Structures are given as structure tokens and as C-alpha cells.
Amino acid sequence: QVQLVESGGGLVQAGGSLKLSCTASRRIFSINGMGWYRRAPGQERELVATITSGGSTNYADSVKGRFTISRDNAKNTVSLQMNSLEPEDTAVYYCAADLRLRSSSKQERYWGQGTQVTVSS
């Protein structure tokens, strides 16, 4: 089974910082894109940031200049450094990865369990 293990969520005051991390299973053959999405109460899941295997990044307009996505290919890890957090950033954040398992010939999208980020005024 594929496991995407997340850490780093929590409660912070506006203007503070958090770093989210997500590590993929060792049984993965290859990983292409990795990224972070979030779902706020009453809203659809939305893109926060993505990063390709080559390191190209893409960000939602609402987080540009505040969030930074990075990856460590040797550790199969993707991180999201979140600075200058705002109450509007409050959401459940999900790690995602487009990957191929060692036992499969197909690339599929896998999701982490989600971690709560709450930003108070």
C-alpha cells in the first residue's frame, strides 16, 4: 500500500510560519509531480503548490511570495514552507504525488491523510 505521511500542521497566529512535510513509501518506483492542496470548510479542494521531478514550481496566486514548495528526491519527500500565514490559510492541507509503484506499470495520483492548519487572528 502506498503511504504518504504528513507532518507539521498545527495552530499558529497570523504572521507566523509552519512547515509541512510529506514522505512517500519506499515501495515507490518513481515519482513525477508532487504537491500540496487544501480544503477549507465549505469549499472545494484547491491547488496550493506543485513541483515537478525537475524542480519546476507552480503556486496559487493567494500564496505566491509567502509559501515555498521543495522536494528531496533522495528521501521521496516534499515540503511546504508557509510564512506570513493569514486566517484565510486555515484549511486541511493534503499532500499529493503522481507516482508509479514498483509492482505496477501505471502512474496514479495518491493523497495523504490531510493535516489541519489553523491560523488565528
N, C-alpha and C. Protein backbone atom coordinates (compact mmCIF):
# COMPACT_ATOMS: atom_id res chain seq x y z
N GLN A 1 0.83 -1.18 0.00
CA GLN A 1 0.00 0.00 0.00
C GLN A 1 0.88 1.24 0.00
N VAL A 2 0.44 2.24 -0.75
CA VAL A 2 1.17 3.50 -0.81
C VAL A 2 0.83 4.32 0.42
N GLN A 3 1.84 4.88 1.04
CA GLN A 3 1.67 5.73 2.19
C GLN A 3 2.34 7.07 1.95
N LEU A 4 1.59 8.14 2.14
CA LEU A 4 2.13 9.49 2.14
C LEU A 4 1.94 10.02 3.55
N VAL A 5 3.03 10.16 4.26
CA VAL A 5 2.98 10.50 5.68
C VAL A 5 3.29 11.98 5.84
N GLU A 6 2.34 12.73 6.40
CA GLU A 6 2.46 14.16 6.56
C GLU A 6 2.77 14.53 8.00
N SER A 7 3.40 15.68 8.15
CA SER A 7 3.67 16.24 9.46
C SER A 7 3.78 17.75 9.34
N GLY A 8 3.64 18.44 10.47
CA GLY A 8 3.90 19.86 10.51
C GLY A 8 2.70 20.76 10.69
N GLY A 9 1.49 20.22 10.63
CA GLY A 9 0.32 21.04 10.83
C GLY A 9 0.19 21.50 12.27
N GLY A 10 -0.69 22.47 12.48
CA GLY A 10 -0.89 22.96 13.83
C GLY A 10 -1.60 24.29 13.85
N LEU A 11 -1.53 24.93 14.99
CA LEU A 11 -2.17 26.22 15.23
C LEU A 11 -1.12 27.30 15.37
N VAL A 12 -1.26 28.36 14.61
CA VAL A 12 -0.34 29.49 14.69
C VAL A 12 -1.13 30.79 14.63
N GLN A 13 -0.51 31.86 15.09
CA GLN A 13 -1.11 33.18 14.98
C GLN A 13 -0.79 33.79 13.63
N ALA A 14 -1.63 34.70 13.20
CA ALA A 14 -1.40 35.40 11.94
C ALA A 14 0.00 36.00 11.92
N GLY A 15 0.66 35.84 10.78
CA GLY A 15 2.02 36.31 10.64
C GLY A 15 3.07 35.27 10.96
N GLY A 16 2.65 34.15 11.52
CA GLY A 16 3.57 33.10 11.88
C GLY A 16 3.89 32.18 10.72
N SER A 17 4.67 31.14 11.02
CA SER A 17 5.13 30.21 10.00
C SER A 17 4.92 28.77 10.42
N LEU A 18 4.75 27.91 9.44
CA LEU A 18 4.71 26.47 9.62
C LEU A 18 5.40 25.82 8.44
N LYS A 19 5.93 24.64 8.66
CA LYS A 19 6.49 23.85 7.57
C LYS A 19 5.84 22.48 7.56
N LEU A 20 5.21 22.15 6.44
CA LEU A 20 4.61 20.85 6.25
C LEU A 20 5.57 19.95 5.48
N SER A 21 5.59 18.67 5.85
CA SER A 21 6.43 17.71 5.16
C SER A 21 5.61 16.47 4.84
N CYS A 22 5.97 15.81 3.75
CA CYS A 22 5.28 14.61 3.32
C CYS A 22 6.30 13.65 2.73
N THR A 23 6.33 12.43 3.24
CA THR A 23 7.28 11.43 2.78
C THR A 23 6.52 10.24 2.21
N ALA A 24 6.94 9.80 1.03
CA ALA A 24 6.27 8.71 0.33
C ALA A 24 6.88 7.36 0.67
N SER A 25 6.12 6.32 0.38
CA SER A 25 6.51 4.94 0.63
C SER A 25 7.80 4.57 -0.08
N ARG A 26 8.56 3.69 0.55
CA ARG A 26 9.79 3.17 -0.04
C ARG A 26 9.53 2.20 -1.19
N ARG A 27 8.29 1.75 -1.34
CA ARG A 27 7.93 0.81 -2.40
C ARG A 27 7.60 1.50 -3.72
N ILE A 28 7.83 2.78 -3.78
CA ILE A 28 7.56 3.55 -4.99
C ILE A 28 8.70 3.40 -5.99
N PHE A 29 8.34 3.14 -7.24
CA PHE A 29 9.32 3.01 -8.30
C PHE A 29 9.80 4.39 -8.77
N SER A 30 8.87 5.28 -8.98
CA SER A 30 9.23 6.62 -9.43
C SER A 30 8.13 7.59 -9.04
N ILE A 31 8.52 8.84 -8.88
CA ILE A 31 7.59 9.92 -8.57
C ILE A 31 7.79 11.04 -9.58
N ASN A 32 6.71 11.49 -10.16
CA ASN A 32 6.79 12.65 -11.05
C ASN A 32 6.43 13.91 -10.25
N GLY A 33 5.26 14.44 -10.48
CA GLY A 33 4.87 15.63 -9.75
C GLY A 33 4.50 15.35 -8.31
N MET A 34 4.77 16.30 -7.45
CA MET A 34 4.32 16.27 -6.07
C MET A 34 3.74 17.63 -5.75
N GLY A 35 2.87 17.68 -4.77
CA GLY A 35 2.29 18.97 -4.46
C GLY A 35 1.46 18.98 -3.20
N TRP A 36 0.91 20.15 -2.94
CA TRP A 36 0.05 20.38 -1.80
C TRP A 36 -1.25 21.02 -2.26
N TYR A 37 -2.33 20.53 -1.69
CA TYR A 37 -3.66 21.07 -1.92
C TYR A 37 -4.28 21.35 -0.56
N ARG A 38 -5.36 22.11 -0.56
CA ARG A 38 -6.03 22.38 0.70
C ARG A 38 -7.53 22.48 0.50
N ARG A 39 -8.25 22.19 1.58
CA ARG A 39 -9.70 22.29 1.56
C ARG A 39 -10.16 23.05 2.80
N ALA A 40 -10.74 24.20 2.58
CA ALA A 40 -11.32 24.98 3.66
C ALA A 40 -12.77 24.57 3.86
N PRO A 41 -13.33 24.81 5.04
CA PRO A 41 -14.72 24.41 5.29
C PRO A 41 -15.67 24.99 4.26
N GLY A 42 -16.50 24.13 3.69
CA GLY A 42 -17.49 24.57 2.73
C GLY A 42 -16.96 24.85 1.34
N GLN A 43 -15.70 24.54 1.09
CA GLN A 43 -15.10 24.81 -0.20
C GLN A 43 -14.51 23.56 -0.81
N GLU A 44 -14.26 23.63 -2.11
CA GLU A 44 -13.64 22.52 -2.81
C GLU A 44 -12.14 22.50 -2.54
N ARG A 45 -11.56 21.34 -2.70
CA ARG A 45 -10.11 21.23 -2.59
C ARG A 45 -9.46 22.04 -3.70
N GLU A 46 -8.43 22.80 -3.36
CA GLU A 46 -7.79 23.66 -4.33
C GLU A 46 -6.28 23.49 -4.30
N LEU A 47 -5.67 23.83 -5.40
CA LEU A 47 -4.22 23.77 -5.52
C LEU A 47 -3.56 24.82 -4.64
N VAL A 48 -2.51 24.42 -3.96
CA VAL A 48 -1.66 25.36 -3.23
C VAL A 48 -0.34 25.52 -3.97
N ALA A 49 0.35 24.42 -4.21
CA ALA A 49 1.64 24.46 -4.89
C ALA A 49 1.98 23.08 -5.43
N THR A 50 2.69 23.05 -6.55
CA THR A 50 3.16 21.80 -7.11
C THR A 50 4.62 21.94 -7.51
N ILE A 51 5.27 20.80 -7.62
CA ILE A 51 6.67 20.78 -8.05
C ILE A 51 6.90 19.54 -8.89
N THR A 52 7.57 19.71 -10.02
CA THR A 52 7.85 18.59 -10.91
C THR A 52 9.10 17.86 -10.47
N SER A 53 9.36 16.74 -11.14
CA SER A 53 10.57 15.98 -10.84
C SER A 53 11.82 16.79 -11.12
N GLY A 54 11.73 17.74 -12.05
CA GLY A 54 12.86 18.58 -12.38
C GLY A 54 12.98 19.83 -11.54
N GLY A 55 12.02 20.06 -10.64
CA GLY A 55 12.10 21.18 -9.74
C GLY A 55 11.30 22.41 -10.14
N SER A 56 10.56 22.34 -11.24
CA SER A 56 9.72 23.47 -11.62
C SER A 56 8.53 23.58 -10.67
N THR A 57 8.19 24.80 -10.27
CA THR A 57 7.14 25.00 -9.28
C THR A 57 6.00 25.82 -9.83
N ASN A 58 4.84 25.66 -9.19
CA ASN A 58 3.65 26.40 -9.54
C ASN A 58 2.90 26.69 -8.25
N TYR A 59 2.40 27.92 -8.11
CA TYR A 59 1.72 28.32 -6.88
C TYR A 59 0.38 28.97 -7.18
N ALA A 60 -0.54 28.79 -6.26
CA ALA A 60 -1.76 29.55 -6.30
C ALA A 60 -1.44 31.03 -6.08
N ASP A 61 -2.18 31.90 -6.73
CA ASP A 61 -1.92 33.34 -6.59
C ASP A 61 -1.99 33.79 -5.14
N SER A 62 -2.85 33.18 -4.36
CA SER A 62 -3.06 33.60 -2.99
C SER A 62 -1.88 33.32 -2.07
N VAL A 63 -0.96 32.45 -2.50
CA VAL A 63 0.17 32.10 -1.63
C VAL A 63 1.51 32.50 -2.21
N LYS A 64 1.54 33.04 -3.40
CA LYS A 64 2.80 33.45 -4.01
C LYS A 64 3.51 34.48 -3.15
N GLY A 65 4.79 34.27 -2.97
CA GLY A 65 5.58 35.16 -2.14
C GLY A 65 5.57 34.81 -0.68
N ARG A 66 4.68 33.91 -0.27
CA ARG A 66 4.58 33.52 1.13
C ARG A 66 4.93 32.05 1.35
N PHE A 67 4.56 31.21 0.41
CA PHE A 67 4.79 29.77 0.54
C PHE A 67 5.88 29.33 -0.43
N THR A 68 6.64 28.32 -0.03
CA THR A 68 7.67 27.76 -0.88
C THR A 68 7.60 26.24 -0.84
N ILE A 69 7.47 25.62 -2.00
CA ILE A 69 7.46 24.17 -2.09
C ILE A 69 8.84 23.68 -2.50
N SER A 70 9.25 22.55 -1.95
CA SER A 70 10.53 21.97 -2.30
C SER A 70 10.43 20.45 -2.18
N ARG A 71 11.41 19.76 -2.73
CA ARG A 71 11.42 18.31 -2.64
C ARG A 71 12.83 17.79 -2.49
N ASP A 72 12.93 16.66 -1.84
CA ASP A 72 14.19 15.95 -1.66
C ASP A 72 13.99 14.60 -2.32
N ASN A 73 14.51 14.44 -3.52
CA ASN A 73 14.28 13.22 -4.28
C ASN A 73 14.90 11.99 -3.62
N ALA A 74 16.02 12.16 -2.96
CA ALA A 74 16.66 11.04 -2.29
C ALA A 74 15.81 10.49 -1.16
N LYS A 75 15.01 11.34 -0.55
CA LYS A 75 14.17 10.93 0.57
C LYS A 75 12.70 10.80 0.19
N ASN A 76 12.37 11.02 -1.08
CA ASN A 76 10.97 10.98 -1.54
C ASN A 76 10.08 11.87 -0.68
N THR A 77 10.56 13.07 -0.45
CA THR A 77 9.88 14.00 0.44
C THR A 77 9.56 15.30 -0.28
N VAL A 78 8.38 15.83 0.00
CA VAL A 78 8.00 17.16 -0.47
C VAL A 78 7.63 17.98 0.76
N SER A 79 8.03 19.25 0.75
CA SER A 79 7.79 20.13 1.88
C SER A 79 7.11 21.40 1.41
N LEU A 80 6.44 22.05 2.34
CA LEU A 80 5.80 23.33 2.07
C LEU A 80 6.12 24.26 3.22
N GLN A 81 6.96 25.23 2.97
CA GLN A 81 7.28 26.26 3.96
C GLN A 81 6.25 27.36 3.82
N MET A 82 5.53 27.63 4.89
CA MET A 82 4.46 28.62 4.88
C MET A 82 4.83 29.76 5.81
N ASN A 83 5.03 30.92 5.24
CA ASN A 83 5.36 32.12 6.01
C ASN A 83 4.24 33.14 5.90
N SER A 84 4.26 34.10 6.80
CA SER A 84 3.26 35.18 6.80
C SER A 84 1.85 34.63 6.70
N LEU A 85 1.55 33.64 7.52
CA LEU A 85 0.26 32.97 7.46
C LEU A 85 -0.88 33.92 7.82
N GLU A 86 -2.00 33.72 7.17
CA GLU A 86 -3.19 34.53 7.36
C GLU A 86 -4.35 33.63 7.77
N PRO A 87 -5.35 34.18 8.44
CA PRO A 87 -6.52 33.35 8.79
C PRO A 87 -7.15 32.66 7.59
N GLU A 88 -7.06 33.28 6.43
CA GLU A 88 -7.61 32.69 5.22
C GLU A 88 -6.88 31.44 4.78
N ASP A 89 -5.71 31.19 5.34
CA ASP A 89 -4.97 29.97 5.02
C ASP A 89 -5.47 28.77 5.82
N THR A 90 -6.36 28.99 6.75
CA THR A 90 -6.89 27.90 7.57
C THR A 90 -7.59 26.87 6.68
N ALA A 91 -7.15 25.63 6.77
CA ALA A 91 -7.69 24.56 5.93
C ALA A 91 -7.04 23.25 6.32
N VAL A 92 -7.57 22.17 5.77
CA VAL A 92 -6.88 20.89 5.82
C VAL A 92 -5.99 20.82 4.59
N TYR A 93 -4.72 20.57 4.82
CA TYR A 93 -3.75 20.52 3.74
C TYR A 93 -3.43 19.07 3.40
N TYR A 94 -3.42 18.77 2.10
CA TYR A 94 -3.20 17.42 1.62
C TYR A 94 -1.96 17.34 0.74
N CYS A 95 -1.12 16.39 1.04
CA CYS A 95 0.00 16.06 0.17
C CYS A 95 -0.51 15.18 -0.97
N ALA A 96 0.03 15.38 -2.16
CA ALA A 96 -0.32 14.56 -3.31
C ALA A 96 0.92 14.22 -4.11
N ALA A 97 0.88 13.06 -4.74
CA ALA A 97 2.01 12.63 -5.57
C ALA A 97 1.51 11.81 -6.74
N ASP A 98 2.04 12.09 -7.91
CA ASP A 98 1.81 11.27 -9.09
C ASP A 98 2.96 10.30 -9.18
N LEU A 99 2.67 9.01 -8.99
CA LEU A 99 3.75 8.05 -8.84
C LEU A 99 3.42 6.70 -9.44
N ARG A 100 4.46 5.93 -9.63
CA ARG A 100 4.35 4.55 -10.08
C ARG A 100 4.93 3.65 -9.02
N LEU A 101 4.18 2.64 -8.63
CA LEU A 101 4.65 1.66 -7.67
C LEU A 101 5.60 0.68 -8.34
N ARG A 102 6.45 0.05 -7.53
CA ARG A 102 7.35 -0.97 -8.06
C ARG A 102 6.58 -2.16 -8.63
N SER A 103 5.38 -2.40 -8.12
CA SER A 103 4.58 -3.53 -8.54
C SER A 103 3.60 -3.20 -9.67
N SER A 104 3.65 -1.99 -10.20
CA SER A 104 2.67 -1.55 -11.18
C SER A 104 3.35 -0.89 -12.37
N SER A 105 2.66 -0.96 -13.51
CA SER A 105 3.13 -0.26 -14.70
C SER A 105 2.40 1.06 -14.91
N LYS A 106 1.48 1.39 -14.01
CA LYS A 106 0.67 2.59 -14.14
C LYS A 106 1.08 3.67 -13.16
N GLN A 107 1.00 4.90 -13.62
CA GLN A 107 1.18 6.04 -12.75
C GLN A 107 -0.19 6.50 -12.25
N GLU A 108 -0.31 6.73 -10.96
CA GLU A 108 -1.57 7.13 -10.37
C GLU A 108 -1.36 8.27 -9.37
N ARG A 109 -2.46 8.96 -9.06
CA ARG A 109 -2.45 10.03 -8.08
C ARG A 109 -2.75 9.46 -6.70
N TYR A 110 -1.89 9.77 -5.74
CA TYR A 110 -2.09 9.33 -4.37
C TYR A 110 -2.13 10.55 -3.46
N TRP A 111 -2.88 10.41 -2.38
CA TRP A 111 -3.11 11.51 -1.46
C TRP A 111 -2.73 11.14 -0.04
N GLY A 112 -2.23 12.12 0.69
CA GLY A 112 -2.00 11.94 2.11
C GLY A 112 -3.29 12.05 2.88
N GLN A 113 -3.20 11.86 4.18
CA GLN A 113 -4.39 11.84 5.03
C GLN A 113 -4.93 13.23 5.34
N GLY A 114 -4.15 14.25 5.11
CA GLY A 114 -4.53 15.61 5.42
C GLY A 114 -4.07 16.02 6.80
N THR A 115 -3.65 17.26 6.92
CA THR A 115 -3.23 17.79 8.21
C THR A 115 -3.84 19.18 8.38
N GLN A 116 -4.35 19.45 9.57
CA GLN A 116 -5.05 20.70 9.83
C GLN A 116 -4.07 21.83 10.09
N VAL A 117 -4.28 22.93 9.39
CA VAL A 117 -3.56 24.17 9.65
C VAL A 117 -4.59 25.21 10.06
N THR A 118 -4.42 25.78 11.23
CA THR A 118 -5.33 26.79 11.73
C THR A 118 -4.54 28.05 12.06
N VAL A 119 -4.96 29.16 11.50
CA VAL A 119 -4.29 30.44 11.71
C VAL A 119 -5.26 31.37 12.42
N SER A 120 -4.90 31.81 13.61
CA SER A 120 -5.76 32.68 14.39
C SER A 120 -5.38 34.14 14.17
N SER A 121 -6.34 35.03 14.44
CA SER A 121 -6.12 36.46 14.26
C SER A 121 -5.20 37.01 15.34
